[in-house]
Amino acid sequence: MPSIFTKIINGEIPCYKIYEDDKTFAFLDIHPETKGHTLVVPKKEVDRLYDLEDEDYFAVMDTARKLSSHMEKVLGARTLWKVVGTDVPHAHIHLMPLDESWHYGREIPMTEADFKEIQQKLSLS
């Protein structure tokens, strides 16, 4: 059965897409710990980041680096990378701008308008 992230990549579940290329997909987390909390996933569904083939692993890292740099320029906040690997069985990296809204593990409330605003600021697609 496809993961929820595969369903998002395939357009079966809507998302606030930030970036897409031939190997990776990035979108806003719908349970954000900070405004701009983004998930970077490989298009190839693999459970653990370290199980990816080198080409896919490096593509995910390159996308995370590119988006982090962009986030820091646009939002003026350092970006935390977090790899948890327990919530969805599809490799992914959490990118979280560290601003005053961030408190480890605590979800912040965001409206649809908030999501659309930050999507527009962060989008590279």
PDB file of N, CA and C in Angstrom:
ATOM      1  N   MET A   1       0.843  -1.178   0.000  1.00  0.00           N
ATOM      2  CA  MET A   1       0.000   0.000   0.000  1.00  0.00           C
ATOM      3  C   MET A   1       0.893   1.249   0.000  1.00  0.00           C
ATOM      4  N   PRO A   2       0.613   2.203  -0.854  1.00  0.00           N
ATOM      5  CA  PRO A   2       1.444   3.413  -0.916  1.00  0.00           C
ATOM      6  C   PRO A   2       1.359   4.234   0.376  1.00  0.00           C
ATOM      7  N   SER A   3       2.466   4.875   0.717  1.00  0.00           N
ATOM      8  CA  SER A   3       2.480   5.744   1.900  1.00  0.00           C
ATOM      9  C   SER A   3       1.672   7.003   1.613  1.00  0.00           C
ATOM     10  N   ILE A   4       1.347   7.724   2.668  1.00  0.00           N
ATOM     11  CA  ILE A   4       0.631   8.992   2.500  1.00  0.00           C
ATOM     12  C   ILE A   4       1.475   9.961   1.667  1.00  0.00           C
ATOM     13  N   PHE A   5       2.807   9.889   1.792  1.00  0.00           N
ATOM     14  CA  PHE A   5       3.659  10.780   1.008  1.00  0.00           C
ATOM     15  C   PHE A   5       3.610  10.428  -0.475  1.00  0.00           C
ATOM     16  N   THR A   6       3.559   9.153  -0.799  1.00  0.00           N
ATOM     17  CA  THR A   6       3.420   8.743  -2.205  1.00  0.00           C
ATOM     18  C   THR A   6       2.095   9.237  -2.762  1.00  0.00           C
ATOM     19  N   LYS A   7       1.049   9.166  -1.960  1.00  0.00           N
ATOM     20  CA  LYS A   7      -0.256   9.672  -2.400  1.00  0.00           C
ATOM     21  C   LYS A   7      -0.215  11.187  -2.626  1.00  0.00           C
ATOM     22  N   ILE A   8       0.530  11.895  -1.796  1.00  0.00           N
ATOM     23  CA  ILE A   8       0.693  13.339  -1.980  1.00  0.00           C
ATOM     24  C   ILE A   8       1.466  13.606  -3.270  1.00  0.00           C
ATOM     25  N   ILE A   9       2.568  12.916  -3.477  1.00  0.00           N
ATOM     26  CA  ILE A   9       3.389  13.076  -4.687  1.00  0.00           C
ATOM     27  C   ILE A   9       2.557  12.804  -5.937  1.00  0.00           C
ATOM     28  N   ASN A  10       1.710  11.779  -5.869  1.00  0.00           N
ATOM     29  CA  ASN A  10       0.880  11.394  -7.020  1.00  0.00           C
ATOM     30  C   ASN A  10      -0.349  12.285  -7.212  1.00  0.00           C
ATOM     31  N   GLY A  11      -0.556  13.248  -6.313  1.00  0.00           N
ATOM     32  CA  GLY A  11      -1.683  14.164  -6.432  1.00  0.00           C
ATOM     33  C   GLY A  11      -2.999  13.598  -5.926  1.00  0.00           C
ATOM     34  N   GLU A  12      -2.957  12.472  -5.221  1.00  0.00           N
ATOM     35  CA  GLU A  12      -4.165  11.866  -4.678  1.00  0.00           C
ATOM     36  C   GLU A  12      -4.627  12.563  -3.407  1.00  0.00           C
ATOM     37  N   ILE A  13      -3.694  13.211  -2.722  1.00  0.00           N
ATOM     38  CA  ILE A  13      -3.983  13.975  -1.508  1.00  0.00           C
ATOM     39  C   ILE A  13      -3.406  15.370  -1.730  1.00  0.00           C
ATOM     40  N   PRO A  14      -4.177  16.422  -1.473  1.00  0.00           N
ATOM     41  CA  PRO A  14      -3.658  17.784  -1.700  1.00  0.00           C
ATOM     42  C   PRO A  14      -2.565  18.146  -0.705  1.00  0.00           C
ATOM     43  N   CYS A  15      -1.729  19.081  -1.123  1.00  0.00           N
ATOM     44  CA  CYS A  15      -0.672  19.570  -0.242  1.00  0.00           C
ATOM     45  C   CYS A  15      -0.322  20.997  -0.628  1.00  0.00           C
ATOM     46  N   TYR A  16       0.519  21.615   0.178  1.00  0.00           N
ATOM     47  CA  TYR A  16       1.074  22.927  -0.123  1.00  0.00           C
ATOM     48  C   TYR A  16       2.503  22.688  -0.618  1.00  0.00           C
ATOM     49  N   LYS A  17       2.626  22.456  -1.920  1.00  0.00           N
ATOM     50  CA  LYS A  17       3.911  22.107  -2.523  1.00  0.00           C
ATOM     51  C   LYS A  17       4.839  23.313  -2.524  1.00  0.00           C
ATOM     52  N   ILE A  18       6.097  23.048  -2.195  1.00  0.00           N
ATOM     53  CA  ILE A  18       7.149  24.055  -2.176  1.00  0.00           C
ATOM     54  C   ILE A  18       8.110  23.839  -3.347  1.00  0.00           C
ATOM     55  N   TYR A  19       8.384  22.573  -3.654  1.00  0.00           N
ATOM     56  CA  TYR A  19       9.398  22.269  -4.668  1.00  0.00           C
ATOM     57  C   TYR A  19       9.200  20.843  -5.186  1.00  0.00           C
ATOM     58  N   GLU A  20       9.569  20.672  -6.466  1.00  0.00           N
ATOM     59  CA  GLU A  20       9.548  19.335  -7.058  1.00  0.00           C
ATOM     60  C   GLU A  20      10.584  19.271  -8.168  1.00  0.00           C
ATOM     61  N   ASP A  21      11.294  18.154  -8.239  1.00  0.00           N
ATOM     62  CA  ASP A  21      12.156  17.858  -9.370  1.00  0.00           C
ATOM     63  C   ASP A  21      11.959  16.389  -9.720  1.00  0.00           C
ATOM     64  N   ASP A  22      12.808  15.817 -10.542  1.00  0.00           N
ATOM     65  CA  ASP A  22      12.589  14.443 -10.987  1.00  0.00           C
ATOM     66  C   ASP A  22      12.773  13.397  -9.887  1.00  0.00           C
ATOM     67  N   LYS A  23      13.483  13.729  -8.814  1.00  0.00           N
ATOM     68  CA  LYS A  23      13.754  12.758  -7.753  1.00  0.00           C
ATOM     69  C   LYS A  23      13.155  13.106  -6.391  1.00  0.00           C
ATOM     70  N   THR A  24      12.807  14.384  -6.183  1.00  0.00           N
ATOM     71  CA  THR A  24      12.344  14.803  -4.849  1.00  0.00           C
ATOM     72  C   THR A  24      11.080  15.645  -4.917  1.00  0.00           C
ATOM     73  N   PHE A  25      10.448  15.761  -3.762  1.00  0.00           N
ATOM     74  CA  PHE A  25       9.209  16.518  -3.616  1.00  0.00           C
ATOM     75  C   PHE A  25       9.250  17.147  -2.231  1.00  0.00           C
ATOM     76  N   ALA A  26       8.883  18.421  -2.123  1.00  0.00           N
ATOM     77  CA  ALA A  26       8.873  19.105  -0.828  1.00  0.00           C
ATOM     78  C   ALA A  26       7.556  19.844  -0.650  1.00  0.00           C
ATOM     79  N   PHE A  27       7.000  19.753   0.548  1.00  0.00           N
ATOM     80  CA  PHE A  27       5.698  20.345   0.846  1.00  0.00           C
ATOM     81  C   PHE A  27       5.624  20.717   2.314  1.00  0.00           C
ATOM     82  N   LEU A  28       4.717  21.640   2.633  1.00  0.00           N
ATOM     83  CA  LEU A  28       4.542  22.059   4.023  1.00  0.00           C
ATOM     84  C   LEU A  28       3.929  20.941   4.852  1.00  0.00           C
ATOM     85  N   ASP A  29       4.446  20.776   6.063  1.00  0.00           N
ATOM     86  CA  ASP A  29       3.894  19.809   7.011  1.00  0.00           C
ATOM     87  C   ASP A  29       2.559  20.359   7.515  1.00  0.00           C
ATOM     88  N   ILE A  30       1.512  19.536   7.494  1.00  0.00           N
ATOM     89  CA  ILE A  30       0.199  20.021   7.953  1.00  0.00           C
ATOM     90  C   ILE A  30       0.073  20.029   9.473  1.00  0.00           C
ATOM     91  N   HIS A  31       1.098  19.532  10.163  1.00  0.00           N
ATOM     92  CA  HIS A  31       1.170  19.606  11.623  1.00  0.00           C
ATOM     93  C   HIS A  31       2.480  20.310  11.989  1.00  0.00           C
ATOM     94  N   PRO A  32       2.606  21.595  11.624  1.00  0.00           N
ATOM     95  CA  PRO A  32       3.895  22.272  11.750  1.00  0.00           C
ATOM     96  C   PRO A  32       4.306  22.582  13.181  1.00  0.00           C
ATOM     97  N   GLU A  33       5.618  22.467  13.408  1.00  0.00           N
ATOM     98  CA  GLU A  33       6.196  22.894  14.675  1.00  0.00           C
ATOM     99  C   GLU A  33       6.628  24.351  14.596  1.00  0.00           C
ATOM    100  N   THR A  34       6.714  24.874  13.383  1.00  0.00           N
ATOM    101  CA  THR A  34       7.071  26.270  13.161  1.00  0.00           C
ATOM    102  C   THR A  34       6.524  26.691  11.802  1.00  0.00           C
ATOM    103  N   LYS A  35       6.325  27.977  11.616  1.00  0.00           N
ATOM    104  CA  LYS A  35       5.807  28.475  10.348  1.00  0.00           C
ATOM    105  C   LYS A  35       6.857  28.229   9.254  1.00  0.00           C
ATOM    106  N   GLY A  36       6.490  27.451   8.249  1.00  0.00           N
ATOM    107  CA  GLY A  36       7.412  27.089   7.182  1.00  0.00           C
ATOM    108  C   GLY A  36       7.932  25.671   7.293  1.00  0.00           C
ATOM    109  N   HIS A  37       7.506  24.933   8.316  1.00  0.00           N
ATOM    110  CA  HIS A  37       7.923  23.543   8.515  1.00  0.00           C
ATOM    111  C   HIS A  37       7.639  22.751   7.230  1.00  0.00           C
ATOM    112  N   THR A  38       8.694  22.267   6.607  1.00  0.00           N
ATOM    113  CA  THR A  38       8.616  21.619   5.298  1.00  0.00           C
ATOM    114  C   THR A  38       9.158  20.202   5.367  1.00  0.00           C
ATOM    115  N   LEU A  39       8.560  19.319   4.588  1.00  0.00           N
ATOM    116  CA  LEU A  39       9.048  17.942   4.458  1.00  0.00           C
ATOM    117  C   LEU A  39       9.676  17.771   3.083  1.00  0.00           C
ATOM    118  N   VAL A  40      10.858  17.189   3.047  1.00  0.00           N
ATOM    119  CA  VAL A  40      11.527  16.851   1.795  1.00  0.00           C
ATOM    120  C   VAL A  40      11.541  15.337   1.707  1.00  0.00           C
ATOM    121  N   VAL A  41      10.964  14.810   0.621  1.00  0.00           N
ATOM    122  CA  VAL A  41      10.858  13.357   0.458  1.00  0.00           C
ATOM    123  C   VAL A  41      11.387  12.929  -0.910  1.00  0.00           C
ATOM    124  N   PRO A  42      11.938  11.714  -0.978  1.00  0.00           N
ATOM    125  CA  PRO A  42      12.285  11.185  -2.291  1.00  0.00           C
ATOM    126  C   PRO A  42      11.010  10.715  -2.974  1.00  0.00           C
ATOM    127  N   LYS A  43      10.969  10.804  -4.282  1.00  0.00           N
ATOM    128  CA  LYS A  43       9.798  10.289  -4.990  1.00  0.00           C
ATOM    129  C   LYS A  43       9.747   8.769  -4.925  1.00  0.00           C
ATOM    130  N   LYS A  44      10.896   8.151  -4.806  1.00  0.00           N
ATOM    131  CA  LYS A  44      10.962   6.704  -4.649  1.00  0.00           C
ATOM    132  C   LYS A  44      10.620   6.377  -3.196  1.00  0.00           C
ATOM    133  N   GLU A  45       9.612   5.552  -2.991  1.00  0.00           N
ATOM    134  CA  GLU A  45       9.191   5.212  -1.634  1.00  0.00           C
ATOM    135  C   GLU A  45      10.125   4.179  -1.018  1.00  0.00           C
ATOM    136  N   VAL A  46      10.874   4.624  -0.030  1.00  0.00           N
ATOM    137  CA  VAL A  46      11.775   3.778   0.749  1.00  0.00           C
ATOM    138  C   VAL A  46      11.560   4.166   2.206  1.00  0.00           C
ATOM    139  N   ASP A  47      11.517   3.185   3.090  1.00  0.00           N
ATOM    140  CA  ASP A  47      11.194   3.440   4.490  1.00  0.00           C
ATOM    141  C   ASP A  47      12.203   4.342   5.196  1.00  0.00           C
ATOM    142  N   ARG A  48      13.488   4.045   5.077  1.00  0.00           N
ATOM    143  CA  ARG A  48      14.503   4.774   5.837  1.00  0.00           C
ATOM    144  C   ARG A  48      15.423   5.558   4.897  1.00  0.00           C
ATOM    145  N   LEU A  49      15.804   6.729   5.317  1.00  0.00           N
ATOM    146  CA  LEU A  49      16.663   7.597   4.523  1.00  0.00           C
ATOM    147  C   LEU A  49      17.953   6.874   4.128  1.00  0.00           C
ATOM    148  N   TYR A  50      18.535   6.141   5.058  1.00  0.00           N
ATOM    149  CA  TYR A  50      19.815   5.478   4.797  1.00  0.00           C
ATOM    150  C   TYR A  50      19.681   4.232   3.918  1.00  0.00           C
ATOM    151  N   ASP A  51      18.453   3.852   3.570  1.00  0.00           N
ATOM    152  CA  ASP A  51      18.254   2.737   2.646  1.00  0.00           C
ATOM    153  C   ASP A  51      18.105   3.196   1.195  1.00  0.00           C
ATOM    154  N   LEU A  52      18.098   4.502   0.962  1.00  0.00           N
ATOM    155  CA  LEU A  52      17.984   5.016  -0.402  1.00  0.00           C
ATOM    156  C   LEU A  52      19.246   4.685  -1.197  1.00  0.00           C
ATOM    157  N   GLU A  53      19.079   4.491  -2.491  1.00  0.00           N
ATOM    158  CA  GLU A  53      20.239   4.370  -3.369  1.00  0.00           C
ATOM    159  C   GLU A  53      20.953   5.713  -3.351  1.00  0.00           C
ATOM    160  N   ASP A  54      22.260   5.703  -3.577  1.00  0.00           N
ATOM    161  CA  ASP A  54      23.058   6.921  -3.472  1.00  0.00           C
ATOM    162  C   ASP A  54      22.473   8.085  -4.263  1.00  0.00           C
ATOM    163  N   GLU A  55      22.069   7.850  -5.493  1.00  0.00           N
ATOM    164  CA  GLU A  55      21.560   8.927  -6.340  1.00  0.00           C
ATOM    165  C   GLU A  55      20.334   9.597  -5.715  1.00  0.00           C
ATOM    166  N   ASP A  56      19.425   8.800  -5.153  1.00  0.00           N
ATOM    167  CA  ASP A  56      18.226   9.350  -4.510  1.00  0.00           C
ATOM    168  C   ASP A  56      18.562  10.022  -3.183  1.00  0.00           C
ATOM    169  N   TYR A  57      19.472   9.420  -2.421  1.00  0.00           N
ATOM    170  CA  TYR A  57      19.904  10.004  -1.148  1.00  0.00           C
ATOM    171  C   TYR A  57      20.513  11.391  -1.376  1.00  0.00           C
ATOM    172  N   PHE A  58      21.429  11.483  -2.335  1.00  0.00           N
ATOM    173  CA  PHE A  58      22.076  12.762  -2.604  1.00  0.00           C
ATOM    174  C   PHE A  58      21.090  13.782  -3.165  1.00  0.00           C
ATOM    175  N   ALA A  59      20.099  13.333  -3.911  1.00  0.00           N
ATOM    176  CA  ALA A  59      19.068  14.244  -4.421  1.00  0.00           C
ATOM    177  C   ALA A  59      18.260  14.839  -3.266  1.00  0.00           C
ATOM    178  N   VAL A  60      17.892  14.014  -2.295  1.00  0.00           N
ATOM    179  CA  VAL A  60      17.152  14.501  -1.123  1.00  0.00           C
ATOM    180  C   VAL A  60      18.001  15.510  -0.352  1.00  0.00           C
ATOM    181  N   MET A  61      19.274  15.182  -0.136  1.00  0.00           N
ATOM    182  CA  MET A  61      20.165  16.095   0.590  1.00  0.00           C
ATOM    183  C   MET A  61      20.345  17.417  -0.166  1.00  0.00           C
ATOM    184  N   ASP A  62      20.483  17.334  -1.478  1.00  0.00           N
ATOM    185  CA  ASP A  62      20.644  18.547  -2.284  1.00  0.00           C
ATOM    186  C   ASP A  62      19.390  19.422  -2.206  1.00  0.00           C
ATOM    187  N   THR A  63      18.223  18.800  -2.292  1.00  0.00           N
ATOM    188  CA  THR A  63      16.973  19.565  -2.180  1.00  0.00           C
ATOM    189  C   THR A  63      16.848  20.188  -0.793  1.00  0.00           C
ATOM    190  N   ALA A  64      17.168  19.436   0.252  1.00  0.00           N
ATOM    191  CA  ALA A  64      17.106  19.980   1.614  1.00  0.00           C
ATOM    192  C   ALA A  64      18.057  21.164   1.767  1.00  0.00           C
ATOM    193  N   ARG A  65      19.244  21.055   1.208  1.00  0.00           N
ATOM    194  CA  ARG A  65      20.228  22.147   1.281  1.00  0.00           C
ATOM    195  C   ARG A  65      19.723  23.380   0.528  1.00  0.00           C
ATOM    196  N   LYS A  66      19.209  23.151  -0.678  1.00  0.00           N
ATOM    197  CA  LYS A  66      18.711  24.250  -1.507  1.00  0.00           C
ATOM    198  C   LYS A  66      17.553  24.970  -0.814  1.00  0.00           C
ATOM    199  N   LEU A  67      16.608  24.199  -0.276  1.00  0.00           N
ATOM    200  CA  LEU A  67      15.454  24.801   0.390  1.00  0.00           C
ATOM    201  C   LEU A  67      15.847  25.500   1.689  1.00  0.00           C
ATOM    202  N   SER A  68      16.773  24.917   2.434  1.00  0.00           N
ATOM    203  CA  SER A  68      17.224  25.550   3.681  1.00  0.00           C
ATOM    204  C   SER A  68      17.848  26.899   3.415  1.00  0.00           C
ATOM    205  N   SER A  69      18.687  26.963   2.412  1.00  0.00           N
ATOM    206  CA  SER A  69      19.321  28.229   2.040  1.00  0.00           C
ATOM    207  C   SER A  69      18.265  29.263   1.649  1.00  0.00           C
ATOM    208  N   HIS A  70      17.290  28.819   0.859  1.00  0.00           N
ATOM    209  CA  HIS A  70      16.205  29.719   0.443  1.00  0.00           C
ATOM    210  C   HIS A  70      15.374  30.171   1.647  1.00  0.00           C
ATOM    211  N   MET A  71      15.049  29.245   2.539  1.00  0.00           N
ATOM    212  CA  MET A  71      14.268  29.584   3.738  1.00  0.00           C
ATOM    213  C   MET A  71      14.982  30.646   4.568  1.00  0.00           C
ATOM    214  N   GLU A  72      16.290  30.457   4.747  1.00  0.00           N
ATOM    215  CA  GLU A  72      17.038  31.397   5.576  1.00  0.00           C
ATOM    216  C   GLU A  72      17.062  32.785   4.955  1.00  0.00           C
ATOM    217  N   LYS A  73      17.155  32.857   3.626  1.00  0.00           N
ATOM    218  CA  LYS A  73      17.135  34.160   2.951  1.00  0.00           C
ATOM    219  C   LYS A  73      15.764  34.811   3.061  1.00  0.00           C
ATOM    220  N   VAL A  74      14.708  34.030   2.824  1.00  0.00           N
ATOM    221  CA  VAL A  74      13.347  34.568   2.796  1.00  0.00           C
ATOM    222  C   VAL A  74      12.808  34.879   4.195  1.00  0.00           C
ATOM    223  N   LEU A  75      13.080  33.992   5.143  1.00  0.00           N
ATOM    224  CA  LEU A  75      12.492  34.132   6.475  1.00  0.00           C
ATOM    225  C   LEU A  75      13.443  34.715   7.515  1.00  0.00           C
ATOM    226  N   GLY A  76      14.726  34.742   7.210  1.00  0.00           N
ATOM    227  CA  GLY A  76      15.690  35.299   8.149  1.00  0.00           C
ATOM    228  C   GLY A  76      15.871  34.475   9.409  1.00  0.00           C
ATOM    229  N   ALA A  77      15.632  33.169   9.303  1.00  0.00           N
ATOM    230  CA  ALA A  77      15.765  32.293  10.476  1.00  0.00           C
ATOM    231  C   ALA A  77      16.605  31.071  10.112  1.00  0.00           C
ATOM    232  N   ARG A  78      17.435  30.644  11.011  1.00  0.00           N
ATOM    233  CA  ARG A  78      18.234  29.433  10.825  1.00  0.00           C
ATOM    234  C   ARG A  78      17.289  28.247  10.637  1.00  0.00           C
ATOM    235  N   THR A  79      17.708  27.252   9.839  1.00  0.00           N
ATOM    236  CA  THR A  79      16.841  26.103   9.562  1.00  0.00           C
ATOM    237  C   THR A  79      17.363  24.846  10.247  1.00  0.00           C
ATOM    238  N   LEU A  80      16.505  24.225  11.026  1.00  0.00           N
ATOM    239  CA  LEU A  80      16.801  22.957  11.681  1.00  0.00           C
ATOM    240  C   LEU A  80      16.423  21.818  10.752  1.00  0.00           C
ATOM    241  N   TRP A  81      17.293  20.817  10.632  1.00  0.00           N
ATOM    242  CA  TRP A  81      16.975  19.588   9.908  1.00  0.00           C
ATOM    243  C   TRP A  81      16.688  18.514  10.954  1.00  0.00           C
ATOM    244  N   LYS A  82      15.611  17.774  10.740  1.00  0.00           N
ATOM    245  CA  LYS A  82      15.259  16.705  11.676  1.00  0.00           C
ATOM    246  C   LYS A  82      14.869  15.458  10.886  1.00  0.00           C
ATOM    247  N   VAL A  83      15.523  14.352  11.200  1.00  0.00           N
ATOM    248  CA  VAL A  83      15.169  13.062  10.608  1.00  0.00           C
ATOM    249  C   VAL A  83      14.676  12.194  11.750  1.00  0.00           C
ATOM    250  N   VAL A  84      13.400  11.822  11.685  1.00  0.00           N
ATOM    251  CA  VAL A  84      12.799  11.053  12.767  1.00  0.00           C
ATOM    252  C   VAL A  84      12.608   9.598  12.337  1.00  0.00           C
ATOM    253  N   GLY A  85      11.898   9.398  11.248  1.00  0.00           N
ATOM    254  CA  GLY A  85      11.752   8.066  10.684  1.00  0.00           C
ATOM    255  C   GLY A  85      10.780   7.140  11.375  1.00  0.00           C
ATOM    256  N   THR A  86       9.890   7.668  12.202  1.00  0.00           N
ATOM    257  CA  THR A  86       8.949   6.782  12.887  1.00  0.00           C
ATOM    258  C   THR A  86       7.488   7.064  12.547  1.00  0.00           C
ATOM    259  N   ASP A  87       7.196   8.237  12.049  1.00  0.00           N
ATOM    260  CA  ASP A  87       5.802   8.619  11.853  1.00  0.00           C
ATOM    261  C   ASP A  87       5.216   8.152  10.526  1.00  0.00           C
ATOM    262  N   VAL A  88       5.978   8.157   9.440  1.00  0.00           N
ATOM    263  CA  VAL A  88       5.515   7.713   8.124  1.00  0.00           C
ATOM    264  C   VAL A  88       6.602   6.829   7.532  1.00  0.00           C
ATOM    265  N   PRO A  89       6.266   5.637   7.052  1.00  0.00           N
ATOM    266  CA  PRO A  89       7.282   4.738   6.496  1.00  0.00           C
ATOM    267  C   PRO A  89       7.707   5.134   5.078  1.00  0.00           C
ATOM    268  N   HIS A  90       8.183   6.351   4.947  1.00  0.00           N
ATOM    269  CA  HIS A  90       8.675   6.893   3.674  1.00  0.00           C
ATOM    270  C   HIS A  90       9.755   7.896   4.071  1.00  0.00           C
ATOM    271  N   ALA A  91      10.980   7.666   3.641  1.00  0.00           N
ATOM    272  CA  ALA A  91      12.109   8.516   4.027  1.00  0.00           C
ATOM    273  C   ALA A  91      11.761   9.990   3.859  1.00  0.00           C
ATOM    274  N   HIS A  92      12.172  10.812   4.813  1.00  0.00           N
ATOM    275  CA  HIS A  92      11.920  12.245   4.718  1.00  0.00           C
ATOM    276  C   HIS A  92      12.768  13.022   5.717  1.00  0.00           C
ATOM    277  N   ILE A  93      12.930  14.299   5.399  1.00  0.00           N
ATOM    278  CA  ILE A  93      13.642  15.233   6.271  1.00  0.00           C
ATOM    279  C   ILE A  93      12.692  16.383   6.587  1.00  0.00           C
ATOM    280  N   HIS A  94      12.622  16.739   7.853  1.00  0.00           N
ATOM    281  CA  HIS A  94      11.860  17.912   8.288  1.00  0.00           C
ATOM    282  C   HIS A  94      12.807  19.113   8.243  1.00  0.00           C
ATOM    283  N   LEU A  95      12.385  20.188   7.604  1.00  0.00           N
ATOM    284  CA  LEU A  95      13.117  21.450   7.623  1.00  0.00           C
ATOM    285  C   LEU A  95      12.268  22.447   8.398  1.00  0.00           C
ATOM    286  N   MET A  96      12.840  23.005   9.480  1.00  0.00           N
ATOM    287  CA  MET A  96      12.064  23.911  10.325  1.00  0.00           C
ATOM    288  C   MET A  96      12.804  25.216  10.572  1.00  0.00           C
ATOM    289  N   PRO A  97      12.265  26.323  10.057  1.00  0.00           N
ATOM    290  CA  PRO A  97      12.854  27.626  10.362  1.00  0.00           C
ATOM    291  C   PRO A  97      12.734  27.884  11.869  1.00  0.00           C
ATOM    292  N   LEU A  98      13.847  28.202  12.497  1.00  0.00           N
ATOM    293  CA  LEU A  98      13.849  28.404  13.943  1.00  0.00           C
ATOM    294  C   LEU A  98      13.550  29.861  14.272  1.00  0.00           C
ATOM    295  N   ASP A  99      12.281  30.149  14.424  1.00  0.00           N
ATOM    296  CA  ASP A  99      11.863  31.492  14.803  1.00  0.00           C
ATOM    297  C   ASP A  99      11.196  31.435  16.172  1.00  0.00           C
ATOM    298  N   GLU A 100      10.600  32.529  16.575  1.00  0.00           N
ATOM    299  CA  GLU A 100       9.988  32.593  17.913  1.00  0.00           C
ATOM    300  C   GLU A 100       8.808  31.649  18.090  1.00  0.00           C
ATOM    301  N   SER A 101       8.243  31.112  17.000  1.00  0.00           N
ATOM    302  CA  SER A 101       7.090  30.209  17.117  1.00  0.00           C
ATOM    303  C   SER A 101       7.505  28.780  17.449  1.00  0.00           C
ATOM    304  N   TRP A 102       8.789  28.458  17.316  1.00  0.00           N
ATOM    305  CA  TRP A 102       9.222  27.074  17.462  1.00  0.00           C
ATOM    306  C   TRP A 102       9.419  26.662  18.912  1.00  0.00           C
ATOM    307  N   HIS A 103       8.783  25.554  19.262  1.00  0.00           N
ATOM    308  CA  HIS A 103       8.980  24.880  20.549  1.00  0.00           C
ATOM    309  C   HIS A 103       9.006  23.400  20.225  1.00  0.00           C
ATOM    310  N   TYR A 104      10.097  22.732  20.512  1.00  0.00           N
ATOM    311  CA  TYR A 104      10.312  21.346  20.111  1.00  0.00           C
ATOM    312  C   TYR A 104       9.087  20.465  20.392  1.00  0.00           C
ATOM    313  N   GLY A 105       8.617  19.816  19.341  1.00  0.00           N
ATOM    314  CA  GLY A 105       7.536  18.851  19.464  1.00  0.00           C
ATOM    315  C   GLY A 105       6.141  19.437  19.620  1.00  0.00           C
ATOM    316  N   ARG A 106       6.016  20.755  19.618  1.00  0.00           N
ATOM    317  CA  ARG A 106       4.700  21.362  19.807  1.00  0.00           C
ATOM    318  C   ARG A 106       4.187  21.927  18.485  1.00  0.00           C
ATOM    319  N   GLU A 107       3.019  21.478  18.085  1.00  0.00           N
ATOM    320  CA  GLU A 107       2.398  21.957  16.854  1.00  0.00           C
ATOM    321  C   GLU A 107       1.884  23.373  17.052  1.00  0.00           C
ATOM    322  N   ILE A 108       2.082  24.208  16.020  1.00  0.00           N
ATOM    323  CA  ILE A 108       1.545  25.563  16.080  1.00  0.00           C
ATOM    324  C   ILE A 108       0.278  25.636  15.225  1.00  0.00           C
ATOM    325  N   PRO A 109      -0.683  26.453  15.630  1.00  0.00           N
ATOM    326  CA  PRO A 109      -1.908  26.581  14.828  1.00  0.00           C
ATOM    327  C   PRO A 109      -1.646  27.426  13.581  1.00  0.00           C
ATOM    328  N   MET A 110      -2.156  26.956  12.452  1.00  0.00           N
ATOM    329  CA  MET A 110      -2.059  27.720  11.208  1.00  0.00           C
ATOM    330  C   MET A 110      -3.356  27.574  10.434  1.00  0.00           C
ATOM    331  N   THR A 111      -3.798  28.676   9.853  1.00  0.00           N
ATOM    332  CA  THR A 111      -4.993  28.668   9.017  1.00  0.00           C
ATOM    333  C   THR A 111      -4.603  28.347   7.579  1.00  0.00           C
ATOM    334  N   GLU A 112      -5.600  28.105   6.749  1.00  0.00           N
ATOM    335  CA  GLU A 112      -5.333  27.876   5.329  1.00  0.00           C
ATOM    336  C   GLU A 112      -4.625  29.091   4.726  1.00  0.00           C
ATOM    337  N   ALA A 113      -5.044  30.284   5.129  1.00  0.00           N
ATOM    338  CA  ALA A 113      -4.401  31.510   4.642  1.00  0.00           C
ATOM    339  C   ALA A 113      -2.925  31.562   5.052  1.00  0.00           C
ATOM    340  N   ASP A 114      -2.621  31.128   6.278  1.00  0.00           N
ATOM    341  CA  ASP A 114      -1.225  31.076   6.747  1.00  0.00           C
ATOM    342  C   ASP A 114      -0.406  30.122   5.879  1.00  0.00           C
ATOM    343  N   PHE A 115      -0.976  28.932   5.612  1.00  0.00           N
ATOM    344  CA  PHE A 115      -0.273  27.945   4.781  1.00  0.00           C
ATOM    345  C   PHE A 115      -0.014  28.504   3.383  1.00  0.00           C
ATOM    346  N   LYS A 116      -1.009  29.136   2.790  1.00  0.00           N
ATOM    347  CA  LYS A 116      -0.855  29.683   1.434  1.00  0.00           C
ATOM    348  C   LYS A 116       0.178  30.807   1.400  1.00  0.00           C
ATOM    349  N   GLU A 117       0.182  31.636   2.439  1.00  0.00           N
ATOM    350  CA  GLU A 117       1.144  32.739   2.504  1.00  0.00           C
ATOM    351  C   GLU A 117       2.583  32.207   2.574  1.00  0.00           C
ATOM    352  N   ILE A 118       2.823  31.253   3.445  1.00  0.00           N
ATOM    353  CA  ILE A 118       4.193  30.726   3.595  1.00  0.00           C
ATOM    354  C   ILE A 118       4.564  29.893   2.366  1.00  0.00           C
ATOM    355  N   GLN A 119       3.604  29.202   1.772  1.00  0.00           N
ATOM    356  CA  GLN A 119       3.864  28.448   0.539  1.00  0.00           C
ATOM    357  C   GLN A 119       4.357  29.403  -0.564  1.00  0.00           C
ATOM    358  N   GLN A 120       3.701  30.529  -0.696  1.00  0.00           N
ATOM    359  CA  GLN A 120       4.081  31.511  -1.713  1.00  0.00           C
ATOM    360  C   GLN A 120       5.493  32.043  -1.447  1.00  0.00           C
ATOM    361  N   LYS A 121       5.835  32.298  -0.190  1.00  0.00           N
ATOM    362  CA  LYS A 121       7.154  32.810   0.150  1.00  0.00           C
ATOM    363  C   LYS A 121       8.245  31.788  -0.119  1.00  0.00           C
ATOM    364  N   LEU A 122       7.969  30.511   0.163  1.00  0.00           N
ATOM    365  CA  LEU A 122       9.005  29.484   0.096  1.00  0.00           C
ATOM    366  C   LEU A 122       9.085  28.746  -1.231  1.00  0.00           C
ATOM    367  N   SER A 123       8.057  28.828  -2.037  1.00  0.00           N
ATOM    368  CA  SER A 123       7.980  28.038  -3.267  1.00  0.00           C
ATOM    369  C   SER A 123       9.133  28.313  -4.215  1.00  0.00           C
ATOM    370  N   LEU A 124       9.733  27.232  -4.691  1.00  0.00           N
ATOM    371  CA  LEU A 124      10.760  27.297  -5.728  1.00  0.00           C
ATOM    372  C   LEU A 124      10.262  26.638  -7.003  1.00  0.00           C
ATOM    373  N   SER A 125       9.016  26.159  -7.002  1.00  0.00           N
ATOM    374  CA  SER A 125       8.485  25.456  -8.179  1.00  0.00           C
ATOM    375  C   SER A 125       7.871  26.430  -9.162  1.00  0.00           C
TER     376      SER A 125
END
